[in-house]
Amino acid sequence: MNLKFNTLKSIFAASVIAIAASASAQQTWPAEHVELIVPYPAGGSTDILARAFATALGQRLNVPIVVENKGGAGGTIGSAYVARSKPDGSVMLFTASSPLTIAPHLVKLNFEPLKNLQPVASVAFGASALVAGASSPFNNFKEFVEYVRAHPGKVSVGYPGIGSSGHLGLVMMAKALKLDLNEIPYQGNNQITMDAIAGTIDVISVNTDAVIPQVQSGKLKPIVVTSSERIPAWPSVSTLADEGHPDLTSFSNWGLYLPGGVSPEILNRLIAASRSAMEDQAFRGTLKKYDAIPGTAFGSDFSMQLKSYSDKYKAVIEQAHISTN
């Protein structure tokens, strides 16, 4: 009799939990639709990941999410737009962390990123690497370091933009390992990649998704992955951590943000929906295509993570006297 009663009790409890979960999923989001701002032009990796994530997130919030590109000024224009928006759940930001953790130390902004924006979820990390032309005299990181030390000031290394994570990672590495490099800034990935293939420049510091096809075709060869984990496309290529320098890693960190001042209820619901969206199979497929690594930090943990990035990059910029002027 007790066994039968306990069984019925368990079934009833499970039913209550299922009903509560279903009711929670059907809760109405406070806005009829959401404007997801991407502070970069359409077609880039940030835009592509944002659109894939918006599809998965919208399904979980049961609300249409419209992606809008507001590019310019290295991602700070679109970020500022969200920072000034009402904290009612109708406007969100999907961006790499650089406009929030690097830009404030290079240019004067009309908002304080880590105060005027509420971090929600670290959605994904983008791997970066040092890549050389196919005919370069070095094939791995050890050979690269030995060659640079044997030819001080002769090895040219390009990066896409002053103050980019690729640039600052390069500066950190050169200082720590006492490498005398000829550093050359570019305006984007296209020209820097073509110059590396042509041999006009010796090495480039770029996000891996920008050069995977060229590496696969044999036109370029990876020297070291500068982010913390090896990437599926190049499983045999070591990371800086593998080489004994975990403190020198650099990467892109894409995340989701709300305007500052949002209510705990909206924040917590969006964190829960983001966790679920990040497990979506279609979204995971997009991450795999771009060799991106799923994020693991949410809410206050993500805030602390961003603060650590900002402090690190501020120190690098000040010590190296880096300026965009």
C-alpha atoms as a PDB file:
ATOM      1  CA  MET A   1       0.000   0.000   0.000  1.00  0.00           C
ATOM      2  CA  ASN A   2       2.816   2.395   0.924  1.00  0.00           C
ATOM      3  CA  LEU A   3       4.624   1.480  -2.289  1.00  0.00           C
ATOM      4  CA  LYS A   4       1.537   2.295  -4.350  1.00  0.00           C
ATOM      5  CA  PHE A   5       1.022   5.566  -2.491  1.00  0.00           C
ATOM      6  CA  ASN A   6       4.660   6.600  -2.921  1.00  0.00           C
ATOM      7  CA  THR A   7       4.492   5.772  -6.630  1.00  0.00           C
ATOM      8  CA  LEU A   8       1.385   7.923  -7.080  1.00  0.00           C
ATOM      9  CA  LYS A   9       3.045  10.686  -5.051  1.00  0.00           C
ATOM     10  CA  SER A  10       6.115  10.590  -7.298  1.00  0.00           C
ATOM     11  CA  ILE A  11       4.002  10.713 -10.452  1.00  0.00           C
ATOM     12  CA  PHE A  12       2.051  13.676  -9.078  1.00  0.00           C
ATOM     13  CA  ALA A  13       5.258  15.532  -8.144  1.00  0.00           C
ATOM     14  CA  ALA A  14       6.753  14.910 -11.585  1.00  0.00           C
ATOM     15  CA  SER A  15       3.553  16.164 -13.204  1.00  0.00           C
ATOM     16  CA  VAL A  16       3.642  19.363 -11.157  1.00  0.00           C
ATOM     17  CA  ILE A  17       7.267  20.012 -12.166  1.00  0.00           C
ATOM     18  CA  ALA A  18       6.464  19.376 -15.841  1.00  0.00           C
ATOM     19  CA  ILE A  19       3.479  21.728 -15.730  1.00  0.00           C
ATOM     20  CA  ALA A  20       5.556  24.422 -14.010  1.00  0.00           C
ATOM     21  CA  ALA A  21       8.333  24.096 -16.598  1.00  0.00           C
ATOM     22  CA  SER A  22       5.811  24.308 -19.422  1.00  0.00           C
ATOM     23  CA  ALA A  23       4.213  27.390 -17.891  1.00  0.00           C
ATOM     24  CA  SER A  24       7.629  29.017 -17.487  1.00  0.00           C
ATOM     25  CA  ALA A  25       8.444  28.358 -21.147  1.00  0.00           C
ATOM     26  CA  GLN A  26       5.189  29.997 -22.191  1.00  0.00           C
ATOM     27  CA  GLN A  27       5.795  33.154 -20.139  1.00  0.00           C
ATOM     28  CA  THR A  28       5.440  36.274 -22.232  1.00  0.00           C
ATOM     29  CA  TRP A  29       8.659  38.174 -22.819  1.00  0.00           C
ATOM     30  CA  PRO A  30       8.161  41.816 -21.733  1.00  0.00           C
ATOM     31  CA  ALA A  31       8.682  43.089 -25.297  1.00  0.00           C
ATOM     32  CA  GLU A  32       6.633  42.077 -28.370  1.00  0.00           C
ATOM     33  CA  HIS A  33       9.828  41.770 -30.374  1.00  0.00           C
ATOM     34  CA  VAL A  34      13.534  42.143 -29.688  1.00  0.00           C
ATOM     35  CA  GLU A  35      16.077  44.224 -31.582  1.00  0.00           C
ATOM     36  CA  LEU A  36      19.446  42.460 -31.444  1.00  0.00           C
ATOM     37  CA  ILE A  37      22.199  44.925 -32.307  1.00  0.00           C
ATOM     38  CA  VAL A  38      25.372  43.705 -33.995  1.00  0.00           C
ATOM     39  CA  PRO A  39      27.885  46.587 -33.967  1.00  0.00           C
ATOM     40  CA  TYR A  40      29.653  45.402 -37.122  1.00  0.00           C
ATOM     41  CA  PRO A  41      28.711  45.193 -40.822  1.00  0.00           C
ATOM     42  CA  ALA A  42      26.647  42.285 -42.113  1.00  0.00           C
ATOM     43  CA  GLY A  43      28.403  39.178 -43.367  1.00  0.00           C
ATOM     44  CA  GLY A  44      31.261  38.973 -40.865  1.00  0.00           C
ATOM     45  CA  SER A  45      31.752  36.246 -38.280  1.00  0.00           C
ATOM     46  CA  THR A  46      30.086  38.282 -35.501  1.00  0.00           C
ATOM     47  CA  ASP A  47      27.028  38.881 -37.672  1.00  0.00           C
ATOM     48  CA  ILE A  48      26.770  35.229 -38.728  1.00  0.00           C
ATOM     49  CA  LEU A  49      27.055  33.930 -35.159  1.00  0.00           C
ATOM     50  CA  ALA A  50      24.569  36.551 -33.934  1.00  0.00           C
ATOM     51  CA  ARG A  51      21.946  35.494 -36.472  1.00  0.00           C
ATOM     52  CA  ALA A  52      22.354  31.815 -35.642  1.00  0.00           C
ATOM     53  CA  PHE A  53      22.112  32.582 -31.928  1.00  0.00           C
ATOM     54  CA  ALA A  54      19.105  34.884 -32.430  1.00  0.00           C
ATOM     55  CA  THR A  55      17.176  32.056 -34.084  1.00  0.00           C
ATOM     56  CA  ALA A  56      17.814  29.688 -31.172  1.00  0.00           C
ATOM     57  CA  LEU A  57      17.184  32.349 -28.527  1.00  0.00           C
ATOM     58  CA  GLY A  58      13.962  33.562 -30.129  1.00  0.00           C
ATOM     59  CA  GLN A  59      12.569  30.042 -30.076  1.00  0.00           C
ATOM     60  CA  ARG A  60      13.189  29.833 -26.344  1.00  0.00           C
ATOM     61  CA  LEU A  61      11.821  33.276 -25.497  1.00  0.00           C
ATOM     62  CA  ASN A  62       8.894  32.742 -27.868  1.00  0.00           C
ATOM     63  CA  VAL A  63       9.448  36.195 -29.348  1.00  0.00           C
ATOM     64  CA  PRO A  64      10.736  37.386 -32.746  1.00  0.00           C
ATOM     65  CA  ILE A  65      14.324  38.657 -32.627  1.00  0.00           C
ATOM     66  CA  VAL A  66      15.372  41.010 -35.414  1.00  0.00           C
ATOM     67  CA  VAL A  67      19.109  41.410 -36.013  1.00  0.00           C
ATOM     68  CA  GLU A  68      20.174  44.927 -36.930  1.00  0.00           C
ATOM     69  CA  ASN A  69      23.702  45.915 -37.931  1.00  0.00           C
ATOM     70  CA  LYS A  70      24.928  49.223 -36.508  1.00  0.00           C
ATOM     71  CA  GLY A  71      28.591  49.182 -37.462  1.00  0.00           C
ATOM     72  CA  GLY A  72      31.241  51.844 -37.122  1.00  0.00           C
ATOM     73  CA  ALA A  73      34.056  53.031 -34.848  1.00  0.00           C
ATOM     74  CA  GLY A  74      35.273  49.529 -34.083  1.00  0.00           C
ATOM     75  CA  GLY A  75      31.947  48.352 -32.705  1.00  0.00           C
ATOM     76  CA  THR A  76      31.465  51.204 -30.237  1.00  0.00           C
ATOM     77  CA  ILE A  77      28.607  52.962 -32.084  1.00  0.00           C
ATOM     78  CA  GLY A  78      26.244  50.002 -31.894  1.00  0.00           C
ATOM     79  CA  SER A  79      27.366  49.214 -28.355  1.00  0.00           C
ATOM     80  CA  ALA A  80      26.634  52.786 -27.250  1.00  0.00           C
ATOM     81  CA  TYR A  81      23.168  52.569 -28.830  1.00  0.00           C
ATOM     82  CA  VAL A  82      22.303  49.589 -26.639  1.00  0.00           C
ATOM     83  CA  ALA A  83      23.851  51.182 -23.549  1.00  0.00           C
ATOM     84  CA  ARG A  84      21.486  54.158 -24.000  1.00  0.00           C
ATOM     85  CA  SER A  85      18.386  52.030 -24.674  1.00  0.00           C
ATOM     86  CA  LYS A  86      15.596  51.327 -22.192  1.00  0.00           C
ATOM     87  CA  PRO A  87      16.341  48.304 -19.994  1.00  0.00           C
ATOM     88  CA  ASP A  88      13.028  46.642 -20.790  1.00  0.00           C
ATOM     89  CA  GLY A  89      14.202  43.591 -22.741  1.00  0.00           C
ATOM     90  CA  SER A  90      13.413  45.070 -26.151  1.00  0.00           C
ATOM     91  CA  VAL A  91      17.038  45.790 -27.144  1.00  0.00           C
ATOM     92  CA  MET A  92      20.049  43.494 -26.798  1.00  0.00           C
ATOM     93  CA  LEU A  93      23.663  43.528 -27.986  1.00  0.00           C
ATOM     94  CA  PHE A  94      25.679  40.718 -29.547  1.00  0.00           C
ATOM     95  CA  THR A  95      29.331  41.653 -29.907  1.00  0.00           C
ATOM     96  CA  ALA A  96      32.938  40.657 -29.562  1.00  0.00           C
ATOM     97  CA  SER A  97      34.392  41.937 -26.307  1.00  0.00           C
ATOM     98  CA  SER A  98      36.943  44.318 -27.864  1.00  0.00           C
ATOM     99  CA  PRO A  99      34.630  47.396 -28.088  1.00  0.00           C
ATOM    100  CA  LEU A 100      34.003  46.988 -24.357  1.00  0.00           C
ATOM    101  CA  THR A 101      37.393  45.898 -23.023  1.00  0.00           C
ATOM    102  CA  ILE A 102      39.934  47.422 -25.430  1.00  0.00           C
ATOM    103  CA  ALA A 103      38.351  50.501 -27.049  1.00  0.00           C
ATOM    104  CA  PRO A 104      37.846  52.395 -23.738  1.00  0.00           C
ATOM    105  CA  HIS A 105      41.623  52.439 -23.269  1.00  0.00           C
ATOM    106  CA  LEU A 106      42.307  53.751 -26.782  1.00  0.00           C
ATOM    107  CA  VAL A 107      39.585  56.303 -27.504  1.00  0.00           C
ATOM    108  CA  LYS A 108      37.223  58.509 -25.510  1.00  0.00           C
ATOM    109  CA  LEU A 109      33.748  56.974 -25.477  1.00  0.00           C
ATOM    110  CA  ASN A 110      30.433  58.613 -24.603  1.00  0.00           C
ATOM    111  CA  PHE A 111      29.486  55.671 -22.390  1.00  0.00           C
ATOM    112  CA  GLU A 112      31.138  53.322 -19.876  1.00  0.00           C
ATOM    113  CA  PRO A 113      30.813  49.827 -21.362  1.00  0.00           C
ATOM    114  CA  LEU A 114      31.191  47.760 -18.205  1.00  0.00           C
ATOM    115  CA  LYS A 115      28.832  50.044 -16.258  1.00  0.00           C
ATOM    116  CA  ASN A 116      26.219  50.961 -18.864  1.00  0.00           C
ATOM    117  CA  LEU A 117      25.819  47.437 -20.241  1.00  0.00           C
ATOM    118  CA  GLN A 118      24.692  44.310 -18.403  1.00  0.00           C
ATOM    119  CA  PRO A 119      26.639  41.176 -19.427  1.00  0.00           C
ATOM    120  CA  VAL A 120      24.304  38.209 -19.913  1.00  0.00           C
ATOM    121  CA  ALA A 121      26.252  35.348 -21.475  1.00  0.00           C
ATOM    122  CA  SER A 122      29.671  34.578 -22.867  1.00  0.00           C
ATOM    123  CA  VAL A 123      28.329  32.855 -25.954  1.00  0.00           C
ATOM    124  CA  ALA A 124      31.497  31.764 -27.762  1.00  0.00           C
ATOM    125  CA  PHE A 125      35.233  32.197 -28.125  1.00  0.00           C
ATOM    126  CA  GLY A 126      36.925  32.696 -31.482  1.00  0.00           C
ATOM    127  CA  ALA A 127      40.350  31.155 -31.916  1.00  0.00           C
ATOM    128  CA  SER A 128      43.247  33.194 -33.250  1.00  0.00           C
ATOM    129  CA  ALA A 129      46.673  32.220 -34.532  1.00  0.00           C
ATOM    130  CA  LEU A 130      49.995  33.205 -36.010  1.00  0.00           C
ATOM    131  CA  VAL A 131      50.021  32.077 -39.631  1.00  0.00           C
ATOM    132  CA  ALA A 132      52.841  32.206 -42.194  1.00  0.00           C
ATOM    133  CA  GLY A 133      53.232  31.888 -45.929  1.00  0.00           C
ATOM    134  CA  ALA A 134      53.744  28.402 -47.331  1.00  0.00           C
ATOM    135  CA  SER A 135      57.417  29.085 -48.162  1.00  0.00           C
ATOM    136  CA  SER A 136      58.399  30.628 -44.823  1.00  0.00           C
ATOM    137  CA  PRO A 137      61.552  29.162 -43.208  1.00  0.00           C
ATOM    138  CA  PHE A 138      59.750  28.129 -39.988  1.00  0.00           C
ATOM    139  CA  ASN A 139      57.055  25.498 -39.505  1.00  0.00           C
ATOM    140  CA  ASN A 140      56.176  25.735 -35.809  1.00  0.00           C
ATOM    141  CA  PHE A 141      56.382  28.115 -32.873  1.00  0.00           C
ATOM    142  CA  LYS A 142      59.796  26.989 -31.644  1.00  0.00           C
ATOM    143  CA  GLU A 143      61.314  27.486 -35.093  1.00  0.00           C
ATOM    144  CA  PHE A 144      59.583  30.872 -35.391  1.00  0.00           C
ATOM    145  CA  VAL A 145      61.047  32.118 -32.101  1.00  0.00           C
ATOM    146  CA  GLU A 146      64.531  30.859 -33.010  1.00  0.00           C
ATOM    147  CA  TYR A 147      64.362  32.492 -36.441  1.00  0.00           C
ATOM    148  CA  VAL A 148      63.190  35.849 -35.057  1.00  0.00           C
ATOM    149  CA  ARG A 149      65.981  35.883 -32.478  1.00  0.00           C
ATOM    150  CA  ALA A 150      68.506  35.097 -35.200  1.00  0.00           C
ATOM    151  CA  HIS A 151      67.101  37.897 -37.386  1.00  0.00           C
ATOM    152  CA  PRO A 152      66.110  40.726 -34.994  1.00  0.00           C
ATOM    153  CA  GLY A 153      63.829  43.335 -36.541  1.00  0.00           C
ATOM    154  CA  LYS A 154      63.685  41.495 -39.877  1.00  0.00           C
ATOM    155  CA  VAL A 155      60.558  39.352 -39.504  1.00  0.00           C
ATOM    156  CA  SER A 156      57.408  41.278 -40.449  1.00  0.00           C
ATOM    157  CA  VAL A 157      54.185  40.480 -38.614  1.00  0.00           C
ATOM    158  CA  GLY A 158      50.849  41.944 -39.692  1.00  0.00           C
ATOM    159  CA  TYR A 159      47.644  42.317 -37.711  1.00  0.00           C
ATOM    160  CA  PRO A 160      44.162  43.603 -38.641  1.00  0.00           C
ATOM    161  CA  GLY A 161      43.909  46.935 -36.843  1.00  0.00           C
ATOM    162  CA  ILE A 162      45.719  48.855 -34.114  1.00  0.00           C
ATOM    163  CA  GLY A 163      44.278  47.833 -30.770  1.00  0.00           C
ATOM    164  CA  SER A 164      42.732  44.590 -32.028  1.00  0.00           C
ATOM    165  CA  SER A 165      43.061  41.526 -29.810  1.00  0.00           C
ATOM    166  CA  GLY A 166      45.479  40.130 -32.405  1.00  0.00           C
ATOM    167  CA  HIS A 167      47.638  43.237 -32.104  1.00  0.00           C
ATOM    168  CA  LEU A 168      47.673  43.306 -28.304  1.00  0.00           C
ATOM    169  CA  GLY A 169      48.351  39.577 -28.118  1.00  0.00           C
ATOM    170  CA  LEU A 170      51.316  40.092 -30.422  1.00  0.00           C
ATOM    171  CA  VAL A 171      52.623  42.924 -28.243  1.00  0.00           C
ATOM    172  CA  MET A 172      52.341  40.759 -25.105  1.00  0.00           C
ATOM    173  CA  MET A 173      54.138  37.878 -26.781  1.00  0.00           C
ATOM    174  CA  ALA A 174      56.962  40.030 -28.168  1.00  0.00           C
ATOM    175  CA  LYS A 175      57.601  41.628 -24.776  1.00  0.00           C
ATOM    176  CA  ALA A 176      57.471  38.409 -22.755  1.00  0.00           C
ATOM    177  CA  LEU A 177      59.697  36.458 -25.133  1.00  0.00           C
ATOM    178  CA  LYS A 178      61.951  39.429 -25.986  1.00  0.00           C
ATOM    179  CA  LEU A 179      61.243  39.212 -29.713  1.00  0.00           C
ATOM    180  CA  ASP A 180      62.211  42.103 -31.984  1.00  0.00           C
ATOM    181  CA  LEU A 181      59.453  42.076 -34.632  1.00  0.00           C
ATOM    182  CA  ASN A 182      58.611  44.429 -37.481  1.00  0.00           C
ATOM    183  CA  GLU A 183      54.930  44.962 -36.669  1.00  0.00           C
ATOM    184  CA  ILE A 184      52.660  46.205 -39.482  1.00  0.00           C
ATOM    185  CA  PRO A 185      48.992  47.225 -38.992  1.00  0.00           C
ATOM    186  CA  TYR A 186      46.377  46.495 -41.670  1.00  0.00           C
ATOM    187  CA  GLN A 187      42.770  47.630 -42.055  1.00  0.00           C
ATOM    188  CA  GLY A 188      41.229  44.163 -42.281  1.00  0.00           C
ATOM    189  CA  ASN A 189      41.683  40.475 -43.060  1.00  0.00           C
ATOM    190  CA  ASN A 190      41.486  40.475 -46.867  1.00  0.00           C
ATOM    191  CA  GLN A 191      44.662  42.405 -47.711  1.00  0.00           C
ATOM    192  CA  ILE A 192      46.668  40.927 -44.866  1.00  0.00           C
ATOM    193  CA  THR A 193      45.801  37.398 -46.020  1.00  0.00           C
ATOM    194  CA  MET A 194      46.694  38.133 -49.659  1.00  0.00           C
ATOM    195  CA  ASP A 195      50.030  39.658 -48.618  1.00  0.00           C
ATOM    196  CA  ALA A 196      50.880  36.617 -46.496  1.00  0.00           C
ATOM    197  CA  ILE A 197      50.128  34.299 -49.434  1.00  0.00           C
ATOM    198  CA  ALA A 198      52.249  36.462 -51.758  1.00  0.00           C
ATOM    199  CA  GLY A 199      55.118  36.562 -49.261  1.00  0.00           C
ATOM    200  CA  THR A 200      54.929  40.339 -48.917  1.00  0.00           C
ATOM    201  CA  ILE A 201      54.661  39.859 -45.163  1.00  0.00           C
ATOM    202  CA  ASP A 202      56.184  37.007 -43.184  1.00  0.00           C
ATOM    203  CA  VAL A 203      53.559  36.263 -40.510  1.00  0.00           C
ATOM    204  CA  ILE A 204      50.035  37.419 -39.705  1.00  0.00           C
ATOM    205  CA  SER A 205      48.104  37.446 -36.420  1.00  0.00           C
ATOM    206  CA  VAL A 206      44.449  36.739 -37.263  1.00  0.00           C
ATOM    207  CA  ASN A 207      41.301  34.919 -36.214  1.00  0.00           C
ATOM    208  CA  THR A 208      41.465  31.375 -37.517  1.00  0.00           C
ATOM    209  CA  ASP A 209      38.110  31.519 -39.342  1.00  0.00           C
ATOM    210  CA  ALA A 210      39.616  34.140 -41.681  1.00  0.00           C
ATOM    211  CA  VAL A 211      42.330  31.797 -42.993  1.00  0.00           C
ATOM    212  CA  ILE A 212      41.087  28.206 -42.633  1.00  0.00           C
ATOM    213  CA  PRO A 213      40.429  27.810 -46.417  1.00  0.00           C
ATOM    214  CA  GLN A 214      43.912  29.139 -47.278  1.00  0.00           C
ATOM    215  CA  VAL A 215      45.544  26.786 -44.778  1.00  0.00           C
ATOM    216  CA  GLN A 216      43.543  23.836 -46.098  1.00  0.00           C
ATOM    217  CA  SER A 217      44.670  24.641 -49.654  1.00  0.00           C
ATOM    218  CA  GLY A 218      48.332  24.833 -48.589  1.00  0.00           C
ATOM    219  CA  LYS A 219      48.734  28.551 -49.345  1.00  0.00           C
ATOM    220  CA  LEU A 220      49.344  29.363 -45.667  1.00  0.00           C
ATOM    221  CA  LYS A 221      50.586  27.355 -42.693  1.00  0.00           C
ATOM    222  CA  PRO A 222      49.691  27.824 -39.023  1.00  0.00           C
ATOM    223  CA  ILE A 223      52.565  28.421 -36.608  1.00  0.00           C
ATOM    224  CA  VAL A 224      50.741  28.525 -33.274  1.00  0.00           C
ATOM    225  CA  VAL A 225      47.196  28.957 -32.008  1.00  0.00           C
ATOM    226  CA  THR A 226      47.219  31.989 -29.719  1.00  0.00           C
ATOM    227  CA  SER A 227      43.930  31.186 -27.963  1.00  0.00           C
ATOM    228  CA  SER A 228      43.696  28.721 -25.074  1.00  0.00           C
ATOM    229  CA  GLU A 229      42.477  25.568 -26.865  1.00  0.00           C
ATOM    230  CA  ARG A 230      43.483  23.701 -30.007  1.00  0.00           C
ATOM    231  CA  ILE A 231      40.980  23.948 -32.829  1.00  0.00           C
ATOM    232  CA  PRO A 232      39.375  21.011 -34.663  1.00  0.00           C
ATOM    233  CA  ALA A 233      40.594  22.230 -38.060  1.00  0.00           C
ATOM    234  CA  TRP A 234      44.250  22.112 -36.916  1.00  0.00           C
ATOM    235  CA  PRO A 235      44.429  19.442 -34.185  1.00  0.00           C
ATOM    236  CA  SER A 236      48.209  19.054 -34.470  1.00  0.00           C
ATOM    237  CA  VAL A 237      48.968  22.779 -34.131  1.00  0.00           C
ATOM    238  CA  SER A 238      50.024  23.687 -30.601  1.00  0.00           C
ATOM    239  CA  THR A 239      48.645  26.576 -28.545  1.00  0.00           C
ATOM    240  CA  LEU A 240      50.667  29.145 -26.643  1.00  0.00           C
ATOM    241  CA  ALA A 241      49.561  27.309 -23.508  1.00  0.00           C
ATOM    242  CA  ASP A 242      51.033  24.096 -24.938  1.00  0.00           C
ATOM    243  CA  GLU A 243      54.255  26.007 -25.543  1.00  0.00           C
ATOM    244  CA  GLY A 244      54.399  27.031 -21.881  1.00  0.00           C
ATOM    245  CA  HIS A 245      52.861  30.508 -22.153  1.00  0.00           C
ATOM    246  CA  PRO A 246      49.221  30.320 -20.963  1.00  0.00           C
ATOM    247  CA  ASP A 247      49.335  33.959 -19.809  1.00  0.00           C
ATOM    248  CA  LEU A 248      49.937  35.169 -23.395  1.00  0.00           C
ATOM    249  CA  THR A 249      46.731  33.815 -24.928  1.00  0.00           C
ATOM    250  CA  SER A 250      44.441  36.160 -26.878  1.00  0.00           C
ATOM    251  CA  PHE A 251      41.109  35.543 -28.586  1.00  0.00           C
ATOM    252  CA  SER A 252      37.723  36.959 -29.525  1.00  0.00           C
ATOM    253  CA  ASN A 253      34.924  36.529 -26.991  1.00  0.00           C
ATOM    254  CA  TRP A 254      31.409  36.975 -28.376  1.00  0.00           C
ATOM    255  CA  GLY A 255      28.733  37.736 -25.837  1.00  0.00           C
ATOM    256  CA  LEU A 256      25.144  38.821 -25.234  1.00  0.00           C
ATOM    257  CA  TYR A 257      24.364  42.038 -23.345  1.00  0.00           C
ATOM    258  CA  LEU A 258      21.397  44.072 -22.128  1.00  0.00           C
ATOM    259  CA  PRO A 259      21.269  47.789 -21.299  1.00  0.00           C
ATOM    260  CA  GLY A 260      22.425  48.497 -17.764  1.00  0.00           C
ATOM    261  CA  GLY A 261      19.750  48.773 -15.093  1.00  0.00           C
ATOM    262  CA  VAL A 262      17.692  45.836 -16.312  1.00  0.00           C
ATOM    263  CA  SER A 263      15.568  44.062 -13.701  1.00  0.00           C
ATOM    264  CA  PRO A 264      16.868  40.831 -12.113  1.00  0.00           C
ATOM    265  CA  GLU A 265      13.791  39.008 -13.450  1.00  0.00           C
ATOM    266  CA  ILE A 266      14.555  39.884 -17.093  1.00  0.00           C
ATOM    267  CA  LEU A 267      18.271  39.179 -16.622  1.00  0.00           C
ATOM    268  CA  ASN A 268      17.723  35.775 -15.033  1.00  0.00           C
ATOM    269  CA  ARG A 269      15.177  34.712 -17.643  1.00  0.00           C
ATOM    270  CA  LEU A 270      17.539  35.718 -20.438  1.00  0.00           C
ATOM    271  CA  ILE A 271      20.439  33.872 -18.816  1.00  0.00           C
ATOM    272  CA  ALA A 272      18.319  30.704 -18.640  1.00  0.00           C
ATOM    273  CA  ALA A 273      17.188  31.079 -22.257  1.00  0.00           C
ATOM    274  CA  SER A 274      20.783  31.745 -23.377  1.00  0.00           C
ATOM    275  CA  ARG A 275      22.064  28.607 -21.663  1.00  0.00           C
ATOM    276  CA  SER A 276      19.478  26.585 -23.554  1.00  0.00           C
ATOM    277  CA  ALA A 277      20.089  28.379 -26.872  1.00  0.00           C
ATOM    278  CA  MET A 278      23.812  27.683 -26.611  1.00  0.00           C
ATOM    279  CA  GLU A 279      23.005  23.954 -26.578  1.00  0.00           C
ATOM    280  CA  ASP A 280      20.883  24.211 -29.735  1.00  0.00           C
ATOM    281  CA  GLN A 281      22.193  21.770 -32.345  1.00  0.00           C
ATOM    282  CA  ALA A 282      21.883  24.175 -35.279  1.00  0.00           C
ATOM    283  CA  PHE A 283      23.752  26.858 -33.354  1.00  0.00           C
ATOM    284  CA  ARG A 284      26.441  24.368 -32.323  1.00  0.00           C
ATOM    285  CA  GLY A 285      26.810  23.536 -36.009  1.00  0.00           C
ATOM    286  CA  THR A 286      27.517  27.192 -36.787  1.00  0.00           C
ATOM    287  CA  LEU A 287      30.112  27.345 -34.017  1.00  0.00           C
ATOM    288  CA  LYS A 288      31.832  24.266 -35.417  1.00  0.00           C
ATOM    289  CA  LYS A 289      31.887  25.731 -38.916  1.00  0.00           C
ATOM    290  CA  TYR A 290      33.776  28.778 -37.630  1.00  0.00           C
ATOM    291  CA  ASP A 291      35.940  26.829 -35.159  1.00  0.00           C
ATOM    292  CA  ALA A 292      34.386  28.762 -32.292  1.00  0.00           C
ATOM    293  CA  ILE A 293      34.349  27.368 -28.758  1.00  0.00           C
ATOM    294  CA  PRO A 294      31.166  27.593 -26.639  1.00  0.00           C
ATOM    295  CA  GLY A 295      31.352  30.019 -23.725  1.00  0.00           C
ATOM    296  CA  THR A 296      30.753  29.019 -20.114  1.00  0.00           C
ATOM    297  CA  ALA A 297      30.270  32.264 -18.144  1.00  0.00           C
ATOM    298  CA  PHE A 298      26.962  33.970 -17.358  1.00  0.00           C
ATOM    299  CA  GLY A 299      25.812  37.053 -15.446  1.00  0.00           C
ATOM    300  CA  SER A 300      28.197  38.098 -12.675  1.00  0.00           C
ATOM    301  CA  ASP A 301      30.810  35.510 -13.712  1.00  0.00           C
ATOM    302  CA  PHE A 302      30.835  36.946 -17.218  1.00  0.00           C
ATOM    303  CA  SER A 303      31.138  40.463 -15.753  1.00  0.00           C
ATOM    304  CA  MET A 304      34.232  39.437 -13.790  1.00  0.00           C
ATOM    305  CA  GLN A 305      35.686  37.793 -16.883  1.00  0.00           C
ATOM    306  CA  LEU A 306      35.264  41.012 -18.876  1.00  0.00           C
ATOM    307  CA  LYS A 307      36.811  43.067 -16.072  1.00  0.00           C
ATOM    308  CA  SER A 308      39.888  40.837 -16.142  1.00  0.00           C
ATOM    309  CA  TYR A 309      40.199  41.290 -19.938  1.00  0.00           C
ATOM    310  CA  SER A 310      39.856  45.042 -19.589  1.00  0.00           C
ATOM    311  CA  ASP A 311      42.494  45.272 -16.862  1.00  0.00           C
ATOM    312  CA  LYS A 312      44.924  43.123 -18.861  1.00  0.00           C
ATOM    313  CA  TYR A 313      44.521  45.092 -22.072  1.00  0.00           C
ATOM    314  CA  LYS A 314      44.706  48.430 -20.273  1.00  0.00           C
ATOM    315  CA  ALA A 315      48.097  47.457 -18.853  1.00  0.00           C
ATOM    316  CA  VAL A 316      49.380  46.324 -22.263  1.00  0.00           C
ATOM    317  CA  ILE A 317      48.199  49.516 -23.983  1.00  0.00           C
ATOM    318  CA  GLU A 318      49.712  51.794 -21.352  1.00  0.00           C
ATOM    319  CA  GLN A 319      53.026  49.947 -21.103  1.00  0.00           C
ATOM    320  CA  ALA A 320      53.472  49.813 -24.892  1.00  0.00           C
ATOM    321  CA  HIS A 321      52.176  53.395 -25.393  1.00  0.00           C
ATOM    322  CA  ILE A 322      49.730  52.196 -28.036  1.00  0.00           C
ATOM    323  CA  SER A 323      47.591  54.890 -29.628  1.00  0.00           C
ATOM    324  CA  THR A 324      45.177  55.088 -32.560  1.00  0.00           C
ATOM    325  CA  ASN A 325      46.111  58.741 -33.217  1.00  0.00           C
END
